[in-house]
Amino acid sequence: MKVYRLKRQFNGYKRGTQFYLIVESEFIGVKEFVLRTKDLTNSISINENELLKNFTFIKEIF
């Protein structure tokens, strides 16, 4: 599982909020990602551009 951190405020979440990457899917060249907050209470679905622009990869946990 991968952990990401917000670079800047996004969709009501504060900068620095950590997320787990839960699902990564691709359909006809469009990638979609589902992330959950570290406390697992909220989730968001974003595209690849939003992930690259607003999130920083922190680490991968097994």
PDB file of N, CA and C in Angstrom:
ATOM      1  N   MET A   1       0.844  -1.167   0.000  1.00  0.00           N
ATOM      2  CA  MET A   1       0.000   0.000   0.000  1.00  0.00           C
ATOM      3  C   MET A   1       0.894   1.236   0.000  1.00  0.00           C
ATOM      4  N   LYS A   2       0.486   2.247  -0.752  1.00  0.00           N
ATOM      5  CA  LYS A   2       1.269   3.476  -0.869  1.00  0.00           C
ATOM      6  C   LYS A   2       0.656   4.577  -0.021  1.00  0.00           C
ATOM      7  N   VAL A   3       1.521   5.425   0.529  1.00  0.00           N
ATOM      8  CA  VAL A   3       1.086   6.551   1.348  1.00  0.00           C
ATOM      9  C   VAL A   3       1.447   7.843   0.619  1.00  0.00           C
ATOM     10  N   TYR A   4       0.472   8.749   0.526  1.00  0.00           N
ATOM     11  CA  TYR A   4       0.659  10.049  -0.114  1.00  0.00           C
ATOM     12  C   TYR A   4       0.330  11.153   0.873  1.00  0.00           C
ATOM     13  N   ARG A   5       0.906  12.336   0.647  1.00  0.00           N
ATOM     14  CA  ARG A   5       0.641  13.512   1.485  1.00  0.00           C
ATOM     15  C   ARG A   5       0.237  14.664   0.568  1.00  0.00           C
ATOM     16  N   LEU A   6      -0.719  15.461   1.013  1.00  0.00           N
ATOM     17  CA  LEU A   6      -1.175  16.610   0.237  1.00  0.00           C
ATOM     18  C   LEU A   6      -0.116  17.710   0.201  1.00  0.00           C
ATOM     19  N   LYS A   7       0.148  18.235  -0.985  1.00  0.00           N
ATOM     20  CA  LYS A   7       1.080  19.347  -1.149  1.00  0.00           C
ATOM     21  C   LYS A   7       0.428  20.671  -0.774  1.00  0.00           C
ATOM     22  N   ARG A   8      -0.878  20.791  -1.064  1.00  0.00           N
ATOM     23  CA  ARG A   8      -1.635  22.014  -0.818  1.00  0.00           C
ATOM     24  C   ARG A   8      -3.073  21.631  -0.491  1.00  0.00           C
ATOM     25  N   GLN A   9      -3.843  22.577  -0.009  1.00  0.00           N
ATOM     26  CA  GLN A   9      -5.237  22.293   0.311  1.00  0.00           C
ATOM     27  C   GLN A   9      -5.963  21.790  -0.936  1.00  0.00           C
ATOM     28  N   PHE A  10      -6.789  20.746  -0.767  1.00  0.00           N
ATOM     29  CA  PHE A  10      -7.473  20.114  -1.885  1.00  0.00           C
ATOM     30  C   PHE A  10      -8.778  19.495  -1.414  1.00  0.00           C
ATOM     31  N   ASN A  11      -9.870  19.839  -2.062  1.00  0.00           N
ATOM     32  CA  ASN A  11     -11.204  19.283  -1.754  1.00  0.00           C
ATOM     33  C   ASN A  11     -11.559  19.344  -0.267  1.00  0.00           C
ATOM     34  N   GLY A  12     -11.186  20.417   0.393  1.00  0.00           N
ATOM     35  CA  GLY A  12     -11.519  20.584   1.806  1.00  0.00           C
ATOM     36  C   GLY A  12     -10.556  19.924   2.772  1.00  0.00           C
ATOM     37  N   TYR A  13      -9.522  19.256   2.273  1.00  0.00           N
ATOM     38  CA  TYR A  13      -8.514  18.631   3.127  1.00  0.00           C
ATOM     39  C   TYR A  13      -7.318  19.571   3.254  1.00  0.00           C
ATOM     40  N   LYS A  14      -6.748  19.652   4.436  1.00  0.00           N
ATOM     41  CA  LYS A  14      -5.631  20.556   4.694  1.00  0.00           C
ATOM     42  C   LYS A  14      -4.320  20.014   4.146  1.00  0.00           C
ATOM     43  N   ARG A  15      -3.420  20.928   3.852  1.00  0.00           N
ATOM     44  CA  ARG A  15      -2.071  20.573   3.410  1.00  0.00           C
ATOM     45  C   ARG A  15      -1.423  19.658   4.458  1.00  0.00           C
ATOM     46  N   GLY A  16      -0.749  18.615   3.996  1.00  0.00           N
ATOM     47  CA  GLY A  16      -0.072  17.700   4.907  1.00  0.00           C
ATOM     48  C   GLY A  16      -0.888  16.487   5.313  1.00  0.00           C
ATOM     49  N   THR A  17      -2.175  16.465   4.971  1.00  0.00           N
ATOM     50  CA  THR A  17      -3.018  15.312   5.296  1.00  0.00           C
ATOM     51  C   THR A  17      -2.489  14.079   4.570  1.00  0.00           C
ATOM     52  N   GLN A  18      -2.394  12.971   5.275  1.00  0.00           N
ATOM     53  CA  GLN A  18      -1.879  11.747   4.676  1.00  0.00           C
ATOM     54  C   GLN A  18      -3.024  10.848   4.212  1.00  0.00           C
ATOM     55  N   PHE A  19      -2.789  10.190   3.078  1.00  0.00           N
ATOM     56  CA  PHE A  19      -3.770   9.306   2.464  1.00  0.00           C
ATOM     57  C   PHE A  19      -3.133   7.985   2.093  1.00  0.00           C
ATOM     58  N   TYR A  20      -3.929   6.917   2.147  1.00  0.00           N
ATOM     59  CA  TYR A  20      -3.530   5.616   1.615  1.00  0.00           C
ATOM     60  C   TYR A  20      -4.120   5.482   0.216  1.00  0.00           C
ATOM     61  N   LEU A  21      -3.332   4.973  -0.720  1.00  0.00           N
ATOM     62  CA  LEU A  21      -3.842   4.662  -2.051  1.00  0.00           C
ATOM     63  C   LEU A  21      -4.509   3.299  -1.957  1.00  0.00           C
ATOM     64  N   ILE A  22      -5.825   3.258  -2.127  1.00  0.00           N
ATOM     65  CA  ILE A  22      -6.597   2.032  -1.970  1.00  0.00           C
ATOM     66  C   ILE A  22      -6.757   1.308  -3.302  1.00  0.00           C
ATOM     67  N   VAL A  23      -7.165   2.055  -4.345  1.00  0.00           N
ATOM     68  CA  VAL A  23      -7.439   1.455  -5.653  1.00  0.00           C
ATOM     69  C   VAL A  23      -6.825   2.316  -6.745  1.00  0.00           C
ATOM     70  N   GLU A  24      -6.221   1.631  -7.714  1.00  0.00           N
ATOM     71  CA  GLU A  24      -5.682   2.291  -8.900  1.00  0.00           C
ATOM     72  C   GLU A  24      -6.252   1.550 -10.102  1.00  0.00           C
ATOM     73  N   SER A  25      -6.989   2.261 -10.968  1.00  0.00           N
ATOM     74  CA  SER A  25      -7.589   1.587 -12.117  1.00  0.00           C
ATOM     75  C   SER A  25      -7.353   2.401 -13.391  1.00  0.00           C
ATOM     76  N   GLU A  26      -7.414   1.702 -14.519  1.00  0.00           N
ATOM     77  CA  GLU A  26      -7.248   2.357 -15.811  1.00  0.00           C
ATOM     78  C   GLU A  26      -8.276   1.784 -16.771  1.00  0.00           C
ATOM     79  N   PHE A  27      -8.993   2.689 -17.438  1.00  0.00           N
ATOM     80  CA  PHE A  27      -9.992   2.288 -18.420  1.00  0.00           C
ATOM     81  C   PHE A  27      -9.825   3.158 -19.657  1.00  0.00           C
ATOM     82  N   ILE A  28      -9.435   2.558 -20.746  1.00  0.00           N
ATOM     83  CA  ILE A  28      -9.203   3.245 -22.021  1.00  0.00           C
ATOM     84  C   ILE A  28      -8.277   4.456 -21.834  1.00  0.00           C
ATOM     85  N   GLY A  29      -7.161   4.247 -21.178  1.00  0.00           N
ATOM     86  CA  GLY A  29      -6.150   5.286 -21.021  1.00  0.00           C
ATOM     87  C   GLY A  29      -6.406   6.312 -19.940  1.00  0.00           C
ATOM     88  N   VAL A  30      -7.534   6.217 -19.236  1.00  0.00           N
ATOM     89  CA  VAL A  30      -7.838   7.158 -18.163  1.00  0.00           C
ATOM     90  C   VAL A  30      -7.586   6.467 -16.829  1.00  0.00           C
ATOM     91  N   LYS A  31      -6.638   6.993 -16.072  1.00  0.00           N
ATOM     92  CA  LYS A  31      -6.329   6.415 -14.760  1.00  0.00           C
ATOM     93  C   LYS A  31      -7.152   7.108 -13.684  1.00  0.00           C
ATOM     94  N   GLU A  32      -7.646   6.316 -12.757  1.00  0.00           N
ATOM     95  CA  GLU A  32      -8.413   6.833 -11.633  1.00  0.00           C
ATOM     96  C   GLU A  32      -7.866   6.215 -10.353  1.00  0.00           C
ATOM     97  N   PHE A  33      -7.821   7.016  -9.304  1.00  0.00           N
ATOM     98  CA  PHE A  33      -7.260   6.584  -8.029  1.00  0.00           C
ATOM     99  C   PHE A  33      -8.260   6.857  -6.921  1.00  0.00           C
ATOM    100  N   VAL A  34      -8.350   5.923  -5.981  1.00  0.00           N
ATOM    101  CA  VAL A  34      -9.178   6.116  -4.798  1.00  0.00           C
ATOM    102  C   VAL A  34      -8.238   6.144  -3.605  1.00  0.00           C
ATOM    103  N   LEU A  35      -8.315   7.247  -2.859  1.00  0.00           N
ATOM    104  CA  LEU A  35      -7.470   7.419  -1.684  1.00  0.00           C
ATOM    105  C   LEU A  35      -8.350   7.540  -0.449  1.00  0.00           C
ATOM    106  N   ARG A  36      -7.842   7.022   0.671  1.00  0.00           N
ATOM    107  CA  ARG A  36      -8.546   7.155   1.953  1.00  0.00           C
ATOM    108  C   ARG A  36      -7.634   7.865   2.927  1.00  0.00           C
ATOM    109  N   THR A  37      -8.232   8.668   3.794  1.00  0.00           N
ATOM    110  CA  THR A  37      -7.445   9.351   4.815  1.00  0.00           C
ATOM    111  C   THR A  37      -6.799   8.312   5.722  1.00  0.00           C
ATOM    112  N   LYS A  38      -5.736   8.717   6.377  1.00  0.00           N
ATOM    113  CA  LYS A  38      -4.975   7.773   7.194  1.00  0.00           C
ATOM    114  C   LYS A  38      -5.822   7.156   8.317  1.00  0.00           C
ATOM    115  N   ASP A  39      -6.822   7.905   8.802  1.00  0.00           N
ATOM    116  CA  ASP A  39      -7.705   7.349   9.837  1.00  0.00           C
ATOM    117  C   ASP A  39      -8.865   6.537   9.238  1.00  0.00           C
ATOM    118  N   LEU A  40      -8.879   6.387   7.900  1.00  0.00           N
ATOM    119  CA  LEU A  40      -9.833   5.570   7.146  1.00  0.00           C
ATOM    120  C   LEU A  40     -11.286   6.030   7.252  1.00  0.00           C
ATOM    121  N   THR A  41     -11.526   7.296   7.590  1.00  0.00           N
ATOM    122  CA  THR A  41     -12.900   7.785   7.723  1.00  0.00           C
ATOM    123  C   THR A  41     -13.460   8.361   6.428  1.00  0.00           C
ATOM    124  N   ASN A  42     -12.605   8.919   5.566  1.00  0.00           N
ATOM    125  CA  ASN A  42     -13.064   9.559   4.332  1.00  0.00           C
ATOM    126  C   ASN A  42     -12.286   9.026   3.141  1.00  0.00           C
ATOM    127  N   SER A  43     -12.917   9.087   1.970  1.00  0.00           N
ATOM    128  CA  SER A  43     -12.223   8.680   0.752  1.00  0.00           C
ATOM    129  C   SER A  43     -12.526   9.662  -0.371  1.00  0.00           C
ATOM    130  N   ILE A  44     -11.603   9.747  -1.333  1.00  0.00           N
ATOM    131  CA  ILE A  44     -11.793  10.592  -2.502  1.00  0.00           C
ATOM    132  C   ILE A  44     -11.357   9.819  -3.736  1.00  0.00           C
ATOM    133  N   SER A  45     -11.988  10.141  -4.850  1.00  0.00           N
ATOM    134  CA  SER A  45     -11.646   9.532  -6.129  1.00  0.00           C
ATOM    135  C   SER A  45     -11.112  10.645  -7.020  1.00  0.00           C
ATOM    136  N   ILE A  46      -9.889  10.473  -7.552  1.00  0.00           N
ATOM    137  CA  ILE A  46      -9.249  11.516  -8.348  1.00  0.00           C
ATOM    138  C   ILE A  46      -8.633  10.913  -9.603  1.00  0.00           C
ATOM    139  N   ASN A  47      -8.319  11.771 -10.563  1.00  0.00           N
ATOM    140  CA  ASN A  47      -7.646  11.302 -11.771  1.00  0.00           C
ATOM    141  C   ASN A  47      -6.127  11.472 -11.628  1.00  0.00           C
ATOM    142  N   GLU A  48      -5.392  11.026 -12.623  1.00  0.00           N
ATOM    143  CA  GLU A  48      -3.931  11.040 -12.561  1.00  0.00           C
ATOM    144  C   GLU A  48      -3.366  12.453 -12.458  1.00  0.00           C
ATOM    145  N   ASN A  49      -3.940  13.401 -13.180  1.00  0.00           N
ATOM    146  CA  ASN A  49      -3.457  14.784 -13.133  1.00  0.00           C
ATOM    147  C   ASN A  49      -3.596  15.381 -11.740  1.00  0.00           C
ATOM    148  N   GLU A  50      -4.727  15.131 -11.091  1.00  0.00           N
ATOM    149  CA  GLU A  50      -4.930  15.633  -9.732  1.00  0.00           C
ATOM    150  C   GLU A  50      -3.953  14.994  -8.755  1.00  0.00           C
ATOM    151  N   LEU A  51      -3.683  13.711  -8.932  1.00  0.00           N
ATOM    152  CA  LEU A  51      -2.726  13.020  -8.060  1.00  0.00           C
ATOM    153  C   LEU A  51      -1.337  13.635  -8.194  1.00  0.00           C
ATOM    154  N   LEU A  52      -0.882  13.820  -9.414  1.00  0.00           N
ATOM    155  CA  LEU A  52       0.455  14.362  -9.643  1.00  0.00           C
ATOM    156  C   LEU A  52       0.579  15.816  -9.196  1.00  0.00           C
ATOM    157  N   LYS A  53      -0.474  16.592  -9.360  1.00  0.00           N
ATOM    158  CA  LYS A  53      -0.439  18.016  -9.028  1.00  0.00           C
ATOM    159  C   LYS A  53      -0.535  18.275  -7.526  1.00  0.00           C
ATOM    160  N   ASN A  54      -1.340  17.489  -6.818  1.00  0.00           N
ATOM    161  CA  ASN A  54      -1.674  17.803  -5.430  1.00  0.00           C
ATOM    162  C   ASN A  54      -1.084  16.885  -4.373  1.00  0.00           C
ATOM    163  N   PHE A  55      -0.492  15.759  -4.779  1.00  0.00           N
ATOM    164  CA  PHE A  55      -0.018  14.782  -3.797  1.00  0.00           C
ATOM    165  C   PHE A  55       1.456  14.456  -3.981  1.00  0.00           C
ATOM    166  N   THR A  56       2.115  14.127  -2.882  1.00  0.00           N
ATOM    167  CA  THR A  56       3.508  13.696  -2.881  1.00  0.00           C
ATOM    168  C   THR A  56       3.561  12.271  -2.337  1.00  0.00           C
ATOM    169  N   PHE A  57       4.265  11.392  -3.056  1.00  0.00           N
ATOM    170  CA  PHE A  57       4.442  10.020  -2.591  1.00  0.00           C
ATOM    171  C   PHE A  57       5.358  10.031  -1.372  1.00  0.00           C
ATOM    172  N   ILE A  58       4.953   9.356  -0.302  1.00  0.00           N
ATOM    173  CA  ILE A  58       5.744   9.307   0.935  1.00  0.00           C
ATOM    174  C   ILE A  58       6.493   7.981   1.028  1.00  0.00           C
ATOM    175  N   LYS A  59       5.759   6.881   1.048  1.00  0.00           N
ATOM    176  CA  LYS A  59       6.388   5.567   1.196  1.00  0.00           C
ATOM    177  C   LYS A  59       5.428   4.474   0.791  1.00  0.00           C
ATOM    178  N   GLU A  60       5.956   3.285   0.677  1.00  0.00           N
ATOM    179  CA  GLU A  60       5.142   2.107   0.389  1.00  0.00           C
ATOM    180  C   GLU A  60       5.238   1.174   1.581  1.00  0.00           C
ATOM    181  N   ILE A  61       4.066   0.741   2.058  1.00  0.00           N
ATOM    182  CA  ILE A  61       4.031  -0.184   3.183  1.00  0.00           C
ATOM    183  C   ILE A  61       3.472  -1.518   2.708  1.00  0.00           C
ATOM    184  N   PHE A  62       3.940  -2.561   3.287  1.00  0.00           N
ATOM    185  CA  PHE A  62       3.503  -3.897   2.881  1.00  0.00           C
ATOM    186  C   PHE A  62       2.602  -4.515   3.887  1.00  0.00           C
TER     187      PHE A  62
END
